[in-house]
Amino acid sequence: SYGDILVRDRKMYVAPTPFALAEGTAHRRTL
């Protein structure tokens, strides 16, 4: 209302993990 509030555009990224991207990685050790 008074034009003196700061708005921050602070981005958050959410990415898939290899456990979601690749079958066969759960309960294993994979490179």
Full PDB file with SEQRES, HELIX, SHEET, SSBOND, CRYST1, ORIGX, SCALE, CONECT and MASTER records, all heavy atoms in Angstrom:
SEQRES   1 A   31  SER TYR GLY ASP ILE LEU VAL ARG ASP ARG LYS MET TYR          
SEQRES   2 A   31  VAL ALA PRO THR PRO PHE ALA LEU ALA GLU GLY THR ALA          
SEQRES   3 A   31  HIS ARG ARG THR LEU                                          
HELIX    1 AA1 PRO A   18  LEU A   21  1                                   4    
CRYST1    1.000    1.000    1.000  90.00  90.00  90.00 P 1           1          
ORIGX1      1.000000  0.000000  0.000000        0.00000                         
ORIGX2      0.000000  1.000000  0.000000        0.00000                         
ORIGX3      0.000000  0.000000  1.000000        0.00000                         
SCALE1      1.000000  0.000000  0.000000        0.00000                         
SCALE2      0.000000  1.000000  0.000000        0.00000                         
SCALE3      0.000000  0.000000  1.000000        0.00000                         
ATOM      1  N   SER A   1       0.810  -1.220   0.000  1.00  0.00           N  
ATOM      2  CA  SER A   1       0.000   0.000   0.000  1.00  0.00           C  
ATOM      3  C   SER A   1       0.844   1.271   0.000  1.00  0.00           C  
ATOM      4  O   SER A   1       0.447   2.290  -0.576  1.00  0.00           O  
ATOM      5  CB  SER A   1      -0.926   0.017   1.217  1.00  0.00           C  
ATOM      6  OG  SER A   1      -1.789  -1.101   1.210  1.00  0.00           O  
ATOM      7  N   TYR A   2       2.015   1.209   0.633  1.00  0.00           N  
ATOM      8  CA  TYR A   2       2.851   2.401   0.736  1.00  0.00           C  
ATOM      9  C   TYR A   2       4.061   2.350  -0.199  1.00  0.00           C  
ATOM     10  O   TYR A   2       4.895   3.251  -0.179  1.00  0.00           O  
ATOM     11  CB  TYR A   2       3.314   2.595   2.185  1.00  0.00           C  
ATOM     12  CG  TYR A   2       2.147   2.680   3.140  1.00  0.00           C  
ATOM     13  CD1 TYR A   2       1.901   1.643   4.031  1.00  0.00           C  
ATOM     14  CD2 TYR A   2       1.274   3.765   3.118  1.00  0.00           C  
ATOM     15  CE1 TYR A   2       0.815   1.694   4.897  1.00  0.00           C  
ATOM     16  CE2 TYR A   2       0.195   3.825   3.973  1.00  0.00           C  
ATOM     17  CZ  TYR A   2      -0.031   2.789   4.859  1.00  0.00           C  
ATOM     18  OH  TYR A   2      -1.107   2.849   5.695  1.00  0.00           O  
ATOM     19  N   GLY A   3       4.125   1.280  -0.996  1.00  0.00           N  
ATOM     20  CA  GLY A   3       5.171   1.194  -2.009  1.00  0.00           C  
ATOM     21  C   GLY A   3       6.573   1.040  -1.476  1.00  0.00           C  
ATOM     22  O   GLY A   3       7.540   1.373  -2.176  1.00  0.00           O  
ATOM     23  N   ASP A   4       6.713   0.517  -0.257  1.00  0.00           N  
ATOM     24  CA  ASP A   4       8.060   0.409   0.314  1.00  0.00           C  
ATOM     25  C   ASP A   4       8.410  -1.020   0.748  1.00  0.00           C  
ATOM     26  O   ASP A   4       9.322  -1.238   1.540  1.00  0.00           O  
ATOM     27  CB  ASP A   4       8.209   1.350   1.510  1.00  0.00           C  
ATOM     28  CG  ASP A   4       7.130   1.119   2.578  1.00  0.00           C  
ATOM     29  OD1 ASP A   4       6.308   0.192   2.408  1.00  0.00           O  
ATOM     30  OD2 ASP A   4       7.122   1.878   3.568  1.00  0.00           O  
ATOM     31  N   ILE A   5       7.684  -2.007   0.230  1.00  0.00           N  
ATOM     32  CA  ILE A   5       7.969  -3.416   0.549  1.00  0.00           C  
ATOM     33  C   ILE A   5       8.822  -4.012  -0.556  1.00  0.00           C  
ATOM     34  O   ILE A   5       8.553  -3.825  -1.745  1.00  0.00           O  
ATOM     35  CB  ILE A   5       6.668  -4.213   0.730  1.00  0.00           C  
ATOM     36  CG1 ILE A   5       5.889  -3.688   1.942  1.00  0.00           C  
ATOM     37  CG2 ILE A   5       6.964  -5.710   0.887  1.00  0.00           C  
ATOM     38  CD1 ILE A   5       4.536  -4.350   2.130  1.00  0.00           C  
ATOM     39  N   LEU A   6       9.855  -4.735  -0.126  1.00  0.00           N  
ATOM     40  CA  LEU A   6      10.769  -5.385  -1.064  1.00  0.00           C  
ATOM     41  C   LEU A   6      10.265  -6.785  -1.383  1.00  0.00           C  
ATOM     42  O   LEU A   6       9.881  -7.535  -0.481  1.00  0.00           O  
ATOM     43  CB  LEU A   6      12.172  -5.474  -0.459  1.00  0.00           C  
ATOM     44  CG  LEU A   6      13.238  -6.160  -1.320  1.00  0.00           C  
ATOM     45  CD1 LEU A   6      13.683  -5.225  -2.439  1.00  0.00           C  
ATOM     46  CD2 LEU A   6      14.441  -6.566  -0.460  1.00  0.00           C  
ATOM     47  N   VAL A   7      10.248  -7.142  -2.643  1.00  0.00           N  
ATOM     48  CA  VAL A   7       9.909  -8.494  -3.079  1.00  0.00           C  
ATOM     49  C   VAL A   7      11.187  -9.145  -3.594  1.00  0.00           C  
ATOM     50  O   VAL A   7      11.849  -8.614  -4.492  1.00  0.00           O  
ATOM     51  CB  VAL A   7       8.833  -8.483  -4.184  1.00  0.00           C  
ATOM     52  CG1 VAL A   7       8.592  -9.903  -4.702  1.00  0.00           C  
ATOM     53  CG2 VAL A   7       7.536  -7.897  -3.658  1.00  0.00           C  
ATOM     54  N   ARG A   8      11.521 -10.293  -3.027  1.00  0.00           N  
ATOM     55  CA  ARG A   8      12.711 -11.031  -3.451  1.00  0.00           C  
ATOM     56  C   ARG A   8      12.299 -12.208  -4.336  1.00  0.00           C  
ATOM     57  O   ARG A   8      11.426 -12.993  -3.956  1.00  0.00           O  
ATOM     58  CB  ARG A   8      13.490 -11.565  -2.242  1.00  0.00           C  
ATOM     59  CG  ARG A   8      14.069 -10.500  -1.348  1.00  0.00           C  
ATOM     60  CD  ARG A   8      14.758 -11.132  -0.148  1.00  0.00           C  
ATOM     61  NE  ARG A   8      15.864 -11.975  -0.561  1.00  0.00           N  
ATOM     62  CZ  ARG A   8      16.461 -12.852   0.246  1.00  0.00           C  
ATOM     63  NH1 ARG A   8      16.035 -13.009   1.491  1.00  0.00           N  
ATOM     64  NH2 ARG A   8      17.463 -13.585  -0.194  1.00  0.00           N  
ATOM     65  N   ASP A   9      12.935 -12.310  -5.475  1.00  0.00           N  
ATOM     66  CA  ASP A   9      12.734 -13.470  -6.347  1.00  0.00           C  
ATOM     67  C   ASP A   9      13.862 -14.450  -6.048  1.00  0.00           C  
ATOM     68  O   ASP A   9      14.917 -14.430  -6.665  1.00  0.00           O  
ATOM     69  CB  ASP A   9      12.762 -13.038  -7.817  1.00  0.00           C  
ATOM     70  CG  ASP A   9      12.644 -14.222  -8.754  1.00  0.00           C  
ATOM     71  OD1 ASP A   9      11.938 -15.178  -8.411  1.00  0.00           O  
ATOM     72  OD2 ASP A   9      13.275 -14.200  -9.828  1.00  0.00           O  
ATOM     73  N   ARG A  10      13.620 -15.296  -5.054  1.00  0.00           N  
ATOM     74  CA  ARG A  10      14.637 -16.261  -4.618  1.00  0.00           C  
ATOM     75  C   ARG A  10      14.225 -17.631  -5.125  1.00  0.00           C  
ATOM     76  O   ARG A  10      13.363 -18.281  -4.549  1.00  0.00           O  
ATOM     77  CB  ARG A  10      14.761 -16.251  -3.100  1.00  0.00           C  
ATOM     78  CG  ARG A  10      15.883 -17.130  -2.591  1.00  0.00           C  
ATOM     79  CD  ARG A  10      15.988 -17.052  -1.073  1.00  0.00           C  
ATOM     80  NE  ARG A  10      17.086 -17.851  -0.585  1.00  0.00           N  
ATOM     81  CZ  ARG A  10      17.382 -18.005   0.705  1.00  0.00           C  
ATOM     82  NH1 ARG A  10      16.641 -17.403   1.619  1.00  0.00           N  
ATOM     83  NH2 ARG A  10      18.398 -18.760   1.072  1.00  0.00           N  
ATOM     84  N   LYS A  11      14.851 -18.068  -6.183  1.00  0.00           N  
ATOM     85  CA  LYS A  11      14.428 -19.289  -6.864  1.00  0.00           C  
ATOM     86  C   LYS A  11      14.872 -20.541  -6.106  1.00  0.00           C  
ATOM     87  O   LYS A  11      15.953 -20.589  -5.535  1.00  0.00           O  
ATOM     88  CB  LYS A  11      14.979 -19.296  -8.294  1.00  0.00           C  
ATOM     89  CG  LYS A  11      14.326 -18.238  -9.179  1.00  0.00           C  
ATOM     90  CD  LYS A  11      14.918 -18.231 -10.588  1.00  0.00           C  
ATOM     91  CE  LYS A  11      16.283 -17.598 -10.606  1.00  0.00           C  
ATOM     92  NZ  LYS A  11      16.225 -16.153 -10.281  1.00  0.00           N  
ATOM     93  N   MET A  12      14.004 -21.533  -6.127  1.00  0.00           N  
ATOM     94  CA  MET A  12      14.310 -22.866  -5.609  1.00  0.00           C  
ATOM     95  C   MET A  12      14.076 -23.861  -6.724  1.00  0.00           C  
ATOM     96  O   MET A  12      13.053 -23.824  -7.392  1.00  0.00           O  
ATOM     97  CB  MET A  12      13.406 -23.207  -4.417  1.00  0.00           C  
ATOM     98  CG  MET A  12      13.426 -24.673  -4.003  1.00  0.00           C  
ATOM     99  SD  MET A  12      14.993 -25.174  -3.261  1.00  0.00           S  
ATOM    100  CE  MET A  12      14.793 -24.451  -1.624  1.00  0.00           C  
ATOM    101  N   TYR A  13      15.052 -24.727  -6.949  1.00  0.00           N  
ATOM    102  CA  TYR A  13      14.946 -25.736  -7.998  1.00  0.00           C  
ATOM    103  C   TYR A  13      14.733 -27.102  -7.354  1.00  0.00           C  
ATOM    104  O   TYR A  13      15.327 -27.415  -6.317  1.00  0.00           O  
ATOM    105  CB  TYR A  13      16.213 -25.745  -8.858  1.00  0.00           C  
ATOM    106  CG  TYR A  13      16.621 -24.372  -9.333  1.00  0.00           C  
ATOM    107  CD1 TYR A  13      17.614 -23.657  -8.674  1.00  0.00           C  
ATOM    108  CD2 TYR A  13      15.996 -23.778 -10.429  1.00  0.00           C  
ATOM    109  CE1 TYR A  13      17.978 -22.394  -9.096  1.00  0.00           C  
ATOM    110  CE2 TYR A  13      16.361 -22.507 -10.856  1.00  0.00           C  
ATOM    111  CZ  TYR A  13      17.357 -21.820 -10.181  1.00  0.00           C  
ATOM    112  OH  TYR A  13      17.708 -20.560 -10.602  1.00  0.00           O  
ATOM    113  N   VAL A  14      13.894 -27.898  -7.957  1.00  0.00           N  
ATOM    114  CA  VAL A  14      13.621 -29.254  -7.477  1.00  0.00           C  
ATOM    115  C   VAL A  14      13.891 -30.209  -8.638  1.00  0.00           C  
ATOM    116  O   VAL A  14      13.244 -30.120  -9.683  1.00  0.00           O  
ATOM    117  CB  VAL A  14      12.174 -29.402  -6.983  1.00  0.00           C  
ATOM    118  CG1 VAL A  14      11.925 -30.833  -6.506  1.00  0.00           C  
ATOM    119  CG2 VAL A  14      11.886 -28.404  -5.864  1.00  0.00           C  
ATOM    120  N   ALA A  15      14.858 -31.083  -8.460  1.00  0.00           N  
ATOM    121  CA  ALA A  15      15.277 -31.981  -9.539  1.00  0.00           C  
ATOM    122  C   ALA A  15      15.027 -33.433  -9.151  1.00  0.00           C  
ATOM    123  O   ALA A  15      15.044 -33.777  -7.957  1.00  0.00           O  
ATOM    124  CB  ALA A  15      16.766 -31.784  -9.843  1.00  0.00           C  
ATOM    125  N   PRO A  16      14.808 -34.303 -10.128  1.00  0.00           N  
ATOM    126  CA  PRO A  16      14.637 -35.732  -9.817  1.00  0.00           C  
ATOM    127  C   PRO A  16      15.951 -36.351  -9.373  1.00  0.00           C  
ATOM    128  O   PRO A  16      17.034 -35.926  -9.801  1.00  0.00           O  
ATOM    129  CB  PRO A  16      14.163 -36.327 -11.148  1.00  0.00           C  
ATOM    130  CG  PRO A  16      14.689 -35.392 -12.185  1.00  0.00           C  
ATOM    131  CD  PRO A  16      14.677 -34.026 -11.566  1.00  0.00           C  
ATOM    132  N   THR A  17      15.859 -37.335  -8.516  1.00  0.00           N  
ATOM    133  CA  THR A  17      17.048 -38.075  -8.089  1.00  0.00           C  
ATOM    134  C   THR A  17      17.286 -39.257  -9.025  1.00  0.00           C  
ATOM    135  O   THR A  17      16.375 -39.696  -9.735  1.00  0.00           O  
ATOM    136  CB  THR A  17      16.879 -38.607  -6.654  1.00  0.00           C  
ATOM    137  OG1 THR A  17      15.912 -39.675  -6.673  1.00  0.00           O  
ATOM    138  CG2 THR A  17      16.429 -37.515  -5.700  1.00  0.00           C  
ATOM    139  N   PRO A  18      18.484 -39.805  -9.020  1.00  0.00           N  
ATOM    140  CA  PRO A  18      18.722 -41.024  -9.810  1.00  0.00           C  
ATOM    141  C   PRO A  18      17.842 -42.192  -9.392  1.00  0.00           C  
ATOM    142  O   PRO A  18      17.551 -43.070 -10.214  1.00  0.00           O  
ATOM    143  CB  PRO A  18      20.206 -41.333  -9.552  1.00  0.00           C  
ATOM    144  CG  PRO A  18      20.807 -40.056  -9.126  1.00  0.00           C  
ATOM    145  CD  PRO A  18      19.719 -39.326  -8.385  1.00  0.00           C  
ATOM    146  N   PHE A  19      17.391 -42.214  -8.141  1.00  0.00           N  
ATOM    147  CA  PHE A  19      16.518 -43.298  -7.698  1.00  0.00           C  
ATOM    148  C   PHE A  19      15.175 -43.234  -8.421  1.00  0.00           C  
ATOM    149  O   PHE A  19      14.518 -44.260  -8.603  1.00  0.00           O  
ATOM    150  CB  PHE A  19      16.308 -43.231  -6.192  1.00  0.00           C  
ATOM    151  CG  PHE A  19      17.563 -43.461  -5.396  1.00  0.00           C  
ATOM    152  CD1 PHE A  19      18.147 -42.418  -4.697  1.00  0.00           C  
ATOM    153  CD2 PHE A  19      18.175 -44.699  -5.365  1.00  0.00           C  
ATOM    154  CE1 PHE A  19      19.315 -42.614  -3.969  1.00  0.00           C  
ATOM    155  CE2 PHE A  19      19.341 -44.912  -4.651  1.00  0.00           C  
ATOM    156  CZ  PHE A  19      19.915 -43.860  -3.944  1.00  0.00           C  
ATOM    157  N   ALA A  20      14.759 -42.022  -8.840  1.00  0.00           N  
ATOM    158  CA  ALA A  20      13.526 -41.875  -9.603  1.00  0.00           C  
ATOM    159  C   ALA A  20      13.778 -42.020 -11.103  1.00  0.00           C  
ATOM    160  O   ALA A  20      12.919 -42.514 -11.834  1.00  0.00           O  
ATOM    161  CB  ALA A  20      12.885 -40.513  -9.322  1.00  0.00           C  
ATOM    162  N   LEU A  21      14.941 -41.605 -11.555  1.00  0.00           N  
ATOM    163  CA  LEU A  21      15.241 -41.621 -12.987  1.00  0.00           C  
ATOM    164  C   LEU A  21      15.602 -43.013 -13.502  1.00  0.00           C  
ATOM    165  O   LEU A  21      15.338 -43.325 -14.665  1.00  0.00           O  
ATOM    166  CB  LEU A  21      16.401 -40.668 -13.298  1.00  0.00           C  
ATOM    167  CG  LEU A  21      16.119 -39.168 -13.146  1.00  0.00           C  
ATOM    168  CD1 LEU A  21      17.418 -38.383 -13.295  1.00  0.00           C  
ATOM    169  CD2 LEU A  21      15.099 -38.717 -14.172  1.00  0.00           C  
ATOM    170  N   ALA A  22      16.199 -43.835 -12.666  1.00  0.00           N  
ATOM    171  CA  ALA A  22      16.760 -45.104 -13.140  1.00  0.00           C  
ATOM    172  C   ALA A  22      16.270 -46.276 -12.310  1.00  0.00           C  
ATOM    173  O   ALA A  22      16.454 -46.299 -11.083  1.00  0.00           O  
ATOM    174  CB  ALA A  22      18.280 -45.042 -13.124  1.00  0.00           C  
ATOM    175  N   GLU A  23      15.647 -47.229 -12.964  1.00  0.00           N  
ATOM    176  CA  GLU A  23      15.261 -48.481 -12.317  1.00  0.00           C  
ATOM    177  C   GLU A  23      16.511 -49.321 -12.037  1.00  0.00           C  
ATOM    178  O   GLU A  23      17.438 -49.365 -12.840  1.00  0.00           O  
ATOM    179  CB  GLU A  23      14.323 -49.279 -13.228  1.00  0.00           C  
ATOM    180  CG  GLU A  23      12.979 -48.617 -13.487  1.00  0.00           C  
ATOM    181  CD  GLU A  23      12.046 -48.724 -12.298  1.00  0.00           C  
ATOM    182  OE1 GLU A  23      12.371 -49.467 -11.352  1.00  0.00           O  
ATOM    183  OE2 GLU A  23      10.992 -48.065 -12.332  1.00  0.00           O  
ATOM    184  N   GLY A  24      16.495 -49.981 -10.888  1.00  0.00           N  
ATOM    185  CA  GLY A  24      17.606 -50.861 -10.547  1.00  0.00           C  
ATOM    186  C   GLY A  24      18.656 -50.216  -9.670  1.00  0.00           C  
ATOM    187  O   GLY A  24      19.669 -50.856  -9.354  1.00  0.00           O  
ATOM    188  N   THR A  25      18.426 -48.969  -9.251  1.00  0.00           N  
ATOM    189  CA  THR A  25      19.402 -48.299  -8.395  1.00  0.00           C  
ATOM    190  C   THR A  25      19.093 -48.473  -6.913  1.00  0.00           C  
ATOM    191  O   THR A  25      20.004 -48.363  -6.085  1.00  0.00           O  
ATOM    192  CB  THR A  25      19.466 -46.800  -8.727  1.00  0.00           C  
ATOM    193  OG1 THR A  25      18.145 -46.244  -8.683  1.00  0.00           O  
ATOM    194  CG2 THR A  25      20.050 -46.574 -10.118  1.00  0.00           C  
ATOM    195  N   ALA A  26      17.839 -48.743  -6.574  1.00  0.00           N  
ATOM    196  CA  ALA A  26      17.472 -48.899  -5.168  1.00  0.00           C  
ATOM    197  C   ALA A  26      18.145 -50.133  -4.583  1.00  0.00           C  
ATOM    198  O   ALA A  26      18.207 -51.197  -5.207  1.00  0.00           O  
ATOM    199  CB  ALA A  26      15.956 -49.009  -5.023  1.00  0.00           C  
ATOM    200  N   HIS A  27      18.677 -49.976  -3.377  1.00  0.00           N  
ATOM    201  CA  HIS A  27      19.308 -51.062  -2.619  1.00  0.00           C  
ATOM    202  C   HIS A  27      20.551 -51.611  -3.337  1.00  0.00           C  
ATOM    203  O   HIS A  27      20.926 -52.771  -3.131  1.00  0.00           O  
ATOM    204  CB  HIS A  27      18.299 -52.183  -2.346  1.00  0.00           C  
ATOM    205  CG  HIS A  27      16.989 -51.683  -1.827  1.00  0.00           C  
ATOM    206  ND1 HIS A  27      16.870 -51.002  -0.637  1.00  0.00           N  
ATOM    207  CD2 HIS A  27      15.740 -51.727  -2.366  1.00  0.00           C  
ATOM    208  CE1 HIS A  27      15.602 -50.671  -0.443  1.00  0.00           C  
ATOM    209  NE2 HIS A  27      14.900 -51.091  -1.482  1.00  0.00           N  
ATOM    210  N   ARG A  28      21.147 -50.782  -4.153  1.00  0.00           N  
ATOM    211  CA  ARG A  28      22.377 -51.143  -4.867  1.00  0.00           C  
ATOM    212  C   ARG A  28      23.369 -49.994  -4.772  1.00  0.00           C  
ATOM    213  O   ARG A  28      23.074 -48.927  -4.257  1.00  0.00           O  
ATOM    214  CB  ARG A  28      22.082 -51.464  -6.338  1.00  0.00           C  
ATOM    215  CG  ARG A  28      21.180 -52.670  -6.551  1.00  0.00           C  
ATOM    216  CD  ARG A  28      21.918 -53.956  -6.240  1.00  0.00           C  
ATOM    217  NE  ARG A  28      21.123 -55.136  -6.538  1.00  0.00           N  
ATOM    218  CZ  ARG A  28      20.411 -55.826  -5.647  1.00  0.00           C  
ATOM    219  NH1 ARG A  28      20.376 -55.416  -4.384  1.00  0.00           N  
ATOM    220  NH2 ARG A  28      19.741 -56.901  -6.006  1.00  0.00           N  
ATOM    221  N   ARG A  29      24.555 -50.212  -5.329  1.00  0.00           N  
ATOM    222  CA  ARG A  29      25.597 -49.187  -5.367  1.00  0.00           C  
ATOM    223  C   ARG A  29      26.018 -49.040  -6.823  1.00  0.00           C  
ATOM    224  O   ARG A  29      26.611 -49.963  -7.404  1.00  0.00           O  
ATOM    225  CB  ARG A  29      26.764 -49.615  -4.475  1.00  0.00           C  
ATOM    226  CG  ARG A  29      26.345 -49.771  -3.003  1.00  0.00           C  
ATOM    227  CD  ARG A  29      27.379 -50.491  -2.191  1.00  0.00           C  
ATOM    228  NE  ARG A  29      27.350 -51.933  -2.424  1.00  0.00           N  
ATOM    229  CZ  ARG A  29      26.742 -52.815  -1.640  1.00  0.00           C  
ATOM    230  NH1 ARG A  29      26.066 -52.400  -0.591  1.00  0.00           N  
ATOM    231  NH2 ARG A  29      26.790 -54.100  -1.907  1.00  0.00           N  
ATOM    232  N   THR A  30      25.717 -47.875  -7.423  1.00  0.00           N  
ATOM    233  CA  THR A  30      25.805 -47.729  -8.869  1.00  0.00           C  
ATOM    234  C   THR A  30      26.542 -46.452  -9.242  1.00  0.00           C  
ATOM    235  O   THR A  30      26.335 -45.395  -8.629  1.00  0.00           O  
ATOM    236  CB  THR A  30      24.395 -47.689  -9.493  1.00  0.00           C  
ATOM    237  OG1 THR A  30      23.625 -48.806  -9.000  1.00  0.00           O  
ATOM    238  CG2 THR A  30      24.466 -47.745 -11.009  1.00  0.00           C  
ATOM    239  N   LEU A  31      27.373 -46.555 -10.263  1.00  0.00           N  
ATOM    240  CA  LEU A  31      28.059 -45.415 -10.868  1.00  0.00           C  
ATOM    241  C   LEU A  31      27.436 -45.151 -12.232  1.00  0.00           C  
ATOM    242  O   LEU A  31      27.296 -46.068 -13.042  1.00  0.00           O  
ATOM    243  CB  LEU A  31      29.551 -45.724 -11.024  1.00  0.00           C  
ATOM    244  CG  LEU A  31      30.404 -44.694 -11.787  1.00  0.00           C  
ATOM    245  CD1 LEU A  31      30.502 -43.386 -11.010  1.00  0.00           C  
ATOM    246  CD2 LEU A  31      31.799 -45.263 -12.063  1.00  0.00           C  
TER     247      LEU A  31                                                      
MASTER        0    0    0    1    0    0    0    6  246    1    0    3          
END                                                                             
